[in-house]
Amino acid sequence: MRVIVTEHAARRLRKARQAEITMRDIIAAAEAVPGTVLTATRFRGFVARSGRVFDLVVKDIPEGRLVITVIGK
């Protein structure tokens, strides 16, 4: 499955609240979501390799899985 990260989500990785969460962590988390996500949905409790917990908002589109935003804990 192709994972597409929005510019907004990529920008949020540079904020303090999302420190230590990498693009690799986001892609792995998005790929781990099972099934099809028809509407934008928040998935909670992913853990980055650094140990930082984060949530993702994703939606499936014809081009792949769209990561709308990342929320660090």
PDB file of N, CA and C in Angstrom:
ATOM      1  N   MET A   1       0.844  -1.179   0.000  1.00  0.00           N
ATOM      2  CA  MET A   1       0.000   0.000   0.000  1.00  0.00           C
ATOM      3  C   MET A   1       0.891   1.245   0.000  1.00  0.00           C
ATOM      4  N   ARG A   2       0.535   2.196  -0.810  1.00  0.00           N
ATOM      5  CA  ARG A   2       1.271   3.461  -0.885  1.00  0.00           C
ATOM      6  C   ARG A   2       0.780   4.398   0.220  1.00  0.00           C
ATOM      7  N   VAL A   3       1.712   4.991   0.948  1.00  0.00           N
ATOM      8  CA  VAL A   3       1.385   5.942   2.010  1.00  0.00           C
ATOM      9  C   VAL A   3       1.779   7.332   1.540  1.00  0.00           C
ATOM     10  N   ILE A   4       0.825   8.260   1.593  1.00  0.00           N
ATOM     11  CA  ILE A   4       1.052   9.643   1.182  1.00  0.00           C
ATOM     12  C   ILE A   4       0.938  10.512   2.425  1.00  0.00           C
ATOM     13  N   VAL A   5       2.000  11.256   2.723  1.00  0.00           N
ATOM     14  CA  VAL A   5       2.019  12.125   3.905  1.00  0.00           C
ATOM     15  C   VAL A   5       1.785  13.554   3.436  1.00  0.00           C
ATOM     16  N   THR A   6       0.758  14.202   3.979  1.00  0.00           N
ATOM     17  CA  THR A   6       0.465  15.575   3.576  1.00  0.00           C
ATOM     18  C   THR A   6       1.566  16.519   4.036  1.00  0.00           C
ATOM     19  N   GLU A   7       1.636  17.661   3.385  1.00  0.00           N
ATOM     20  CA  GLU A   7       2.612  18.683   3.766  1.00  0.00           C
ATOM     21  C   GLU A   7       2.380  19.125   5.205  1.00  0.00           C
ATOM     22  N   HIS A   8       1.106  19.207   5.595  1.00  0.00           N
ATOM     23  CA  HIS A   8       0.758  19.591   6.965  1.00  0.00           C
ATOM     24  C   HIS A   8       1.362  18.612   7.971  1.00  0.00           C
ATOM     25  N   ALA A   9       1.206  17.318   7.724  1.00  0.00           N
ATOM     26  CA  ALA A   9       1.737  16.303   8.639  1.00  0.00           C
ATOM     27  C   ALA A   9       3.264  16.368   8.694  1.00  0.00           C
ATOM     28  N   ALA A  10       3.897  16.568   7.545  1.00  0.00           N
ATOM     29  CA  ALA A  10       5.363  16.662   7.511  1.00  0.00           C
ATOM     30  C   ALA A  10       5.849  17.884   8.285  1.00  0.00           C
ATOM     31  N   ARG A  11       5.139  19.000   8.177  1.00  0.00           N
ATOM     32  CA  ARG A  11       5.509  20.215   8.923  1.00  0.00           C
ATOM     33  C   ARG A  11       5.388  20.001  10.416  1.00  0.00           C
ATOM     34  N   ARG A  12       4.372  19.253  10.826  1.00  0.00           N
ATOM     35  CA  ARG A  12       4.155  19.022  12.259  1.00  0.00           C
ATOM     36  C   ARG A  12       5.298  18.233  12.890  1.00  0.00           C
ATOM     37  N   LEU A  13       6.023  17.455  12.100  1.00  0.00           N
ATOM     38  CA  LEU A  13       7.145  16.693  12.644  1.00  0.00           C
ATOM     39  C   LEU A  13       8.252  17.604  13.151  1.00  0.00           C
ATOM     40  N   ARG A  14       8.279  18.835  12.705  1.00  0.00           N
ATOM     41  CA  ARG A  14       9.305  19.788  13.151  1.00  0.00           C
ATOM     42  C   ARG A  14       8.897  20.519  14.436  1.00  0.00           C
ATOM     43  N   LYS A  15       7.701  20.290  14.935  1.00  0.00           N
ATOM     44  CA  LYS A  15       7.226  20.930  16.167  1.00  0.00           C
ATOM     45  C   LYS A  15       7.692  20.117  17.387  1.00  0.00           C
ATOM     46  N   ALA A  16       7.807  20.786  18.509  1.00  0.00           N
ATOM     47  CA  ALA A  16       8.309  20.146  19.744  1.00  0.00           C
ATOM     48  C   ALA A  16       7.435  18.969  20.181  1.00  0.00           C
ATOM     49  N   ARG A  17       6.131  19.094  20.008  1.00  0.00           N
ATOM     50  CA  ARG A  17       5.226  18.043  20.471  1.00  0.00           C
ATOM     51  C   ARG A  17       5.414  16.729  19.697  1.00  0.00           C
ATOM     52  N   GLN A  18       5.929  16.826  18.475  1.00  0.00           N
ATOM     53  CA  GLN A  18       6.157  15.639  17.661  1.00  0.00           C
ATOM     54  C   GLN A  18       7.647  15.274  17.580  1.00  0.00           C
ATOM     55  N   ALA A  19       8.462  15.850  18.474  1.00  0.00           N
ATOM     56  CA  ALA A  19       9.902  15.577  18.462  1.00  0.00           C
ATOM     57  C   ALA A  19      10.149  14.076  18.564  1.00  0.00           C
ATOM     58  N   GLU A  20      11.151  13.613  17.846  1.00  0.00           N
ATOM     59  CA  GLU A  20      11.589  12.216  17.866  1.00  0.00           C
ATOM     60  C   GLU A  20      10.661  11.259  17.119  1.00  0.00           C
ATOM     61  N   ILE A  21       9.660  11.771  16.400  1.00  0.00           N
ATOM     62  CA  ILE A  21       8.827  10.945  15.532  1.00  0.00           C
ATOM     63  C   ILE A  21       9.348  11.164  14.120  1.00  0.00           C
ATOM     64  N   THR A  22       9.682  10.084  13.446  1.00  0.00           N
ATOM     65  CA  THR A  22      10.262  10.197  12.111  1.00  0.00           C
ATOM     66  C   THR A  22       9.231   9.847  11.037  1.00  0.00           C
ATOM     67  N   MET A  23       9.572  10.199   9.809  1.00  0.00           N
ATOM     68  CA  MET A  23       8.716   9.848   8.675  1.00  0.00           C
ATOM     69  C   MET A  23       8.592   8.325   8.574  1.00  0.00           C
ATOM     70  N   ARG A  24       9.660   7.640   8.887  1.00  0.00           N
ATOM     71  CA  ARG A  24       9.646   6.173   8.866  1.00  0.00           C
ATOM     72  C   ARG A  24       8.626   5.618   9.872  1.00  0.00           C
ATOM     73  N   ASP A  25       8.552   6.232  11.059  1.00  0.00           N
ATOM     74  CA  ASP A  25       7.578   5.823  12.073  1.00  0.00           C
ATOM     75  C   ASP A  25       6.151   6.023  11.566  1.00  0.00           C
ATOM     76  N   ILE A  26       5.914   7.156  10.900  1.00  0.00           N
ATOM     77  CA  ILE A  26       4.571   7.473  10.392  1.00  0.00           C
ATOM     78  C   ILE A  26       4.157   6.471   9.321  1.00  0.00           C
ATOM     79  N   ILE A  27       5.057   6.184   8.402  1.00  0.00           N
ATOM     80  CA  ILE A  27       4.731   5.249   7.320  1.00  0.00           C
ATOM     81  C   ILE A  27       4.447   3.864   7.879  1.00  0.00           C
ATOM     82  N   ALA A  28       5.262   3.403   8.818  1.00  0.00           N
ATOM     83  CA  ALA A  28       5.046   2.087   9.429  1.00  0.00           C
ATOM     84  C   ALA A  28       3.697   2.040  10.148  1.00  0.00           C
ATOM     85  N   ALA A  29       3.350   3.105  10.857  1.00  0.00           N
ATOM     86  CA  ALA A  29       2.080   3.149  11.583  1.00  0.00           C
ATOM     87  C   ALA A  29       0.901   3.148  10.609  1.00  0.00           C
ATOM     88  N   ALA A  30       1.004   3.937   9.543  1.00  0.00           N
ATOM     89  CA  ALA A  30      -0.088   4.003   8.563  1.00  0.00           C
ATOM     90  C   ALA A  30      -0.290   2.650   7.887  1.00  0.00           C
ATOM     91  N   GLU A  31       0.782   1.955   7.610  1.00  0.00           N
ATOM     92  CA  GLU A  31       0.680   0.634   6.992  1.00  0.00           C
ATOM     93  C   GLU A  31       0.102  -0.400   7.959  1.00  0.00           C
ATOM     94  N   ALA A  32       0.239  -0.160   9.256  1.00  0.00           N
ATOM     95  CA  ALA A  32      -0.248  -1.106  10.261  1.00  0.00           C
ATOM     96  C   ALA A  32      -1.755  -1.020  10.493  1.00  0.00           C
ATOM     97  N   VAL A  33      -2.383   0.053  10.021  1.00  0.00           N
ATOM     98  CA  VAL A  33      -3.833   0.196  10.201  1.00  0.00           C
ATOM     99  C   VAL A  33      -4.535  -0.809   9.284  1.00  0.00           C
ATOM    100  N   PRO A  34      -5.338  -1.706   9.850  1.00  0.00           N
ATOM    101  CA  PRO A  34      -5.974  -2.744   9.029  1.00  0.00           C
ATOM    102  C   PRO A  34      -7.206  -2.227   8.286  1.00  0.00           C
ATOM    103  N   GLY A  35      -7.547  -2.909   7.227  1.00  0.00           N
ATOM    104  CA  GLY A  35      -8.784  -2.621   6.503  1.00  0.00           C
ATOM    105  C   GLY A  35      -8.725  -1.358   5.680  1.00  0.00           C
ATOM    106  N   THR A  36      -9.913  -0.865   5.345  1.00  0.00           N
ATOM    107  CA  THR A  36     -10.069   0.337   4.542  1.00  0.00           C
ATOM    108  C   THR A  36     -10.646   1.441   5.412  1.00  0.00           C
ATOM    109  N   VAL A  37     -10.090   2.649   5.294  1.00  0.00           N
ATOM    110  CA  VAL A  37     -10.533   3.790   6.093  1.00  0.00           C
ATOM    111  C   VAL A  37     -11.244   4.749   5.144  1.00  0.00           C
ATOM    112  N   LEU A  38     -12.574   4.730   5.155  1.00  0.00           N
ATOM    113  CA  LEU A  38     -13.355   5.511   4.193  1.00  0.00           C
ATOM    114  C   LEU A  38     -13.459   6.984   4.549  1.00  0.00           C
ATOM    115  N   THR A  39     -13.463   7.301   5.843  1.00  0.00           N
ATOM    116  CA  THR A  39     -13.508   8.704   6.271  1.00  0.00           C
ATOM    117  C   THR A  39     -12.300   8.972   7.158  1.00  0.00           C
ATOM    118  N   ALA A  40     -11.905  10.236   7.232  1.00  0.00           N
ATOM    119  CA  ALA A  40     -10.751  10.594   8.063  1.00  0.00           C
ATOM    120  C   ALA A  40     -11.001  10.119   9.496  1.00  0.00           C
ATOM    121  N   THR A  41     -10.080   9.311  10.000  1.00  0.00           N
ATOM    122  CA  THR A  41     -10.243   8.683  11.304  1.00  0.00           C
ATOM    123  C   THR A  41      -8.950   8.791  12.093  1.00  0.00           C
ATOM    124  N   ARG A  42      -9.085   9.057  13.382  1.00  0.00           N
ATOM    125  CA  ARG A  42      -7.926   9.142  14.269  1.00  0.00           C
ATOM    126  C   ARG A  42      -7.654   7.768  14.858  1.00  0.00           C
ATOM    127  N   PHE A  43      -6.407   7.327  14.711  1.00  0.00           N
ATOM    128  CA  PHE A  43      -5.960   6.073  15.294  1.00  0.00           C
ATOM    129  C   PHE A  43      -4.942   6.412  16.371  1.00  0.00           C
ATOM    130  N   ARG A  44      -5.140   5.841  17.545  1.00  0.00           N
ATOM    131  CA  ARG A  44      -4.365   6.234  18.718  1.00  0.00           C
ATOM    132  C   ARG A  44      -3.359   5.160  19.141  1.00  0.00           C
ATOM    133  N   GLY A  45      -2.307   5.631  19.815  1.00  0.00           N
ATOM    134  CA  GLY A  45      -1.425   4.721  20.529  1.00  0.00           C
ATOM    135  C   GLY A  45      -0.268   4.118  19.758  1.00  0.00           C
ATOM    136  N   PHE A  46       0.175   4.732  18.682  1.00  0.00           N
ATOM    137  CA  PHE A  46       1.356   4.231  17.986  1.00  0.00           C
ATOM    138  C   PHE A  46       2.595   4.654  18.767  1.00  0.00           C
ATOM    139  N   VAL A  47       3.650   3.865  18.669  1.00  0.00           N
ATOM    140  CA  VAL A  47       4.890   4.174  19.377  1.00  0.00           C
ATOM    141  C   VAL A  47       6.020   4.271  18.361  1.00  0.00           C
ATOM    142  N   ALA A  48       6.700   5.417  18.365  1.00  0.00           N
ATOM    143  CA  ALA A  48       7.849   5.620  17.482  1.00  0.00           C
ATOM    144  C   ALA A  48       9.023   4.800  17.990  1.00  0.00           C
ATOM    145  N   ARG A  49      10.025   4.604  17.149  1.00  0.00           N
ATOM    146  CA  ARG A  49      11.219   3.865  17.560  1.00  0.00           C
ATOM    147  C   ARG A  49      11.893   4.531  18.746  1.00  0.00           C
ATOM    148  N   SER A  50      11.724   5.837  18.879  1.00  0.00           N
ATOM    149  CA  SER A  50      12.314   6.575  20.005  1.00  0.00           C
ATOM    150  C   SER A  50      11.554   6.354  21.303  1.00  0.00           C
ATOM    151  N   GLY A  51      10.354   5.753  21.216  1.00  0.00           N
ATOM    152  CA  GLY A  51       9.518   5.542  22.390  1.00  0.00           C
ATOM    153  C   GLY A  51       8.409   6.568  22.530  1.00  0.00           C
ATOM    154  N   ARG A  52       8.403   7.571  21.678  1.00  0.00           N
ATOM    155  CA  ARG A  52       7.377   8.625  21.718  1.00  0.00           C
ATOM    156  C   ARG A  52       6.045   8.078  21.214  1.00  0.00           C
ATOM    157  N   VAL A  53       4.967   8.311  21.949  1.00  0.00           N
ATOM    158  CA  VAL A  53       3.631   7.854  21.575  1.00  0.00           C
ATOM    159  C   VAL A  53       2.984   8.929  20.709  1.00  0.00           C
ATOM    160  N   PHE A  54       2.263   8.491  19.668  1.00  0.00           N
ATOM    161  CA  PHE A  54       1.601   9.446  18.788  1.00  0.00           C
ATOM    162  C   PHE A  54       0.334   8.850  18.192  1.00  0.00           C
ATOM    163  N   ASP A  55      -0.515   9.738  17.700  1.00  0.00           N
ATOM    164  CA  ASP A  55      -1.740   9.364  17.000  1.00  0.00           C
ATOM    165  C   ASP A  55      -1.618   9.799  15.548  1.00  0.00           C
ATOM    166  N   LEU A  56      -2.379   9.136  14.682  1.00  0.00           N
ATOM    167  CA  LEU A  56      -2.433   9.497  13.267  1.00  0.00           C
ATOM    168  C   LEU A  56      -3.877   9.712  12.852  1.00  0.00           C
ATOM    169  N   VAL A  57      -4.091  10.652  11.940  1.00  0.00           N
ATOM    170  CA  VAL A  57      -5.384  10.795  11.278  1.00  0.00           C
ATOM    171  C   VAL A  57      -5.143  10.403   9.830  1.00  0.00           C
ATOM    172  N   VAL A  58      -5.831   9.339   9.383  1.00  0.00           N
ATOM    173  CA  VAL A  58      -5.628   8.829   8.032  1.00  0.00           C
ATOM    174  C   VAL A  58      -6.951   8.638   7.313  1.00  0.00           C
ATOM    175  N   LYS A  59      -6.854   8.558   5.987  1.00  0.00           N
ATOM    176  CA  LYS A  59      -8.006   8.298   5.130  1.00  0.00           C
ATOM    177  C   LYS A  59      -7.483   7.607   3.883  1.00  0.00           C
ATOM    178  N   ASP A  60      -8.220   6.626   3.402  1.00  0.00           N
ATOM    179  CA  ASP A  60      -7.837   5.960   2.162  1.00  0.00           C
ATOM    180  C   ASP A  60      -8.422   6.704   0.979  1.00  0.00           C
ATOM    181  N   ILE A  61      -7.576   6.953  -0.013  1.00  0.00           N
ATOM    182  CA  ILE A  61      -7.978   7.599  -1.263  1.00  0.00           C
ATOM    183  C   ILE A  61      -7.530   6.670  -2.390  1.00  0.00           C
ATOM    184  N   PRO A  62      -7.993   6.898  -3.614  1.00  0.00           N
ATOM    185  CA  PRO A  62      -7.609   5.986  -4.704  1.00  0.00           C
ATOM    186  C   PRO A  62      -6.089   5.842  -4.895  1.00  0.00           C
ATOM    187  N   GLU A  63      -5.318   6.882  -4.565  1.00  0.00           N
ATOM    188  CA  GLU A  63      -3.869   6.834  -4.750  1.00  0.00           C
ATOM    189  C   GLU A  63      -3.152   6.066  -3.639  1.00  0.00           C
ATOM    190  N   GLY A  64      -3.811   5.847  -2.511  1.00  0.00           N
ATOM    191  CA  GLY A  64      -3.194   5.148  -1.387  1.00  0.00           C
ATOM    192  C   GLY A  64      -3.763   5.618  -0.066  1.00  0.00           C
ATOM    193  N   ARG A  65      -2.989   5.453   0.997  1.00  0.00           N
ATOM    194  CA  ARG A  65      -3.422   5.875   2.333  1.00  0.00           C
ATOM    195  C   ARG A  65      -2.843   7.251   2.621  1.00  0.00           C
ATOM    196  N   LEU A  66      -3.714   8.208   2.877  1.00  0.00           N
ATOM    197  CA  LEU A  66      -3.328   9.596   3.107  1.00  0.00           C
ATOM    198  C   LEU A  66      -3.197   9.845   4.607  1.00  0.00           C
ATOM    199  N   VAL A  67      -2.014  10.277   5.037  1.00  0.00           N
ATOM    200  CA  VAL A  67      -1.794  10.660   6.435  1.00  0.00           C
ATOM    201  C   VAL A  67      -2.059  12.157   6.514  1.00  0.00           C
ATOM    202  N   ILE A  68      -3.136  12.546   7.194  1.00  0.00           N
ATOM    203  CA  ILE A  68      -3.564  13.928   7.257  1.00  0.00           C
ATOM    204  C   ILE A  68      -2.796  14.700   8.315  1.00  0.00           C
ATOM    205  N   THR A  69      -2.639  14.119   9.491  1.00  0.00           N
ATOM    206  CA  THR A  69      -1.879  14.802  10.543  1.00  0.00           C
ATOM    207  C   THR A  69      -1.314  13.793  11.536  1.00  0.00           C
ATOM    208  N   VAL A  70      -0.363  14.285  12.312  1.00  0.00           N
ATOM    209  CA  VAL A  70       0.292  13.500  13.357  1.00  0.00           C
ATOM    210  C   VAL A  70       0.125  14.271  14.663  1.00  0.00           C
ATOM    211  N   ILE A  71      -0.258  13.569  15.723  1.00  0.00           N
ATOM    212  CA  ILE A  71      -0.449  14.221  17.019  1.00  0.00           C
ATOM    213  C   ILE A  71       0.453  13.525  18.029  1.00  0.00           C
ATOM    214  N   GLY A  72       1.484  14.211  18.488  1.00  0.00           N
ATOM    215  CA  GLY A  72       2.393  13.656  19.490  1.00  0.00           C
ATOM    216  C   GLY A  72       1.795  13.761  20.881  1.00  0.00           C
ATOM    217  N   LYS A  73       2.168  12.850  21.740  1.00  0.00           N
ATOM    218  CA  LYS A  73       1.670  12.848  23.121  1.00  0.00           C
ATOM    219  C   LYS A  73       2.753  13.329  24.062  1.00  0.00           C
TER     220      LYS A  73
END
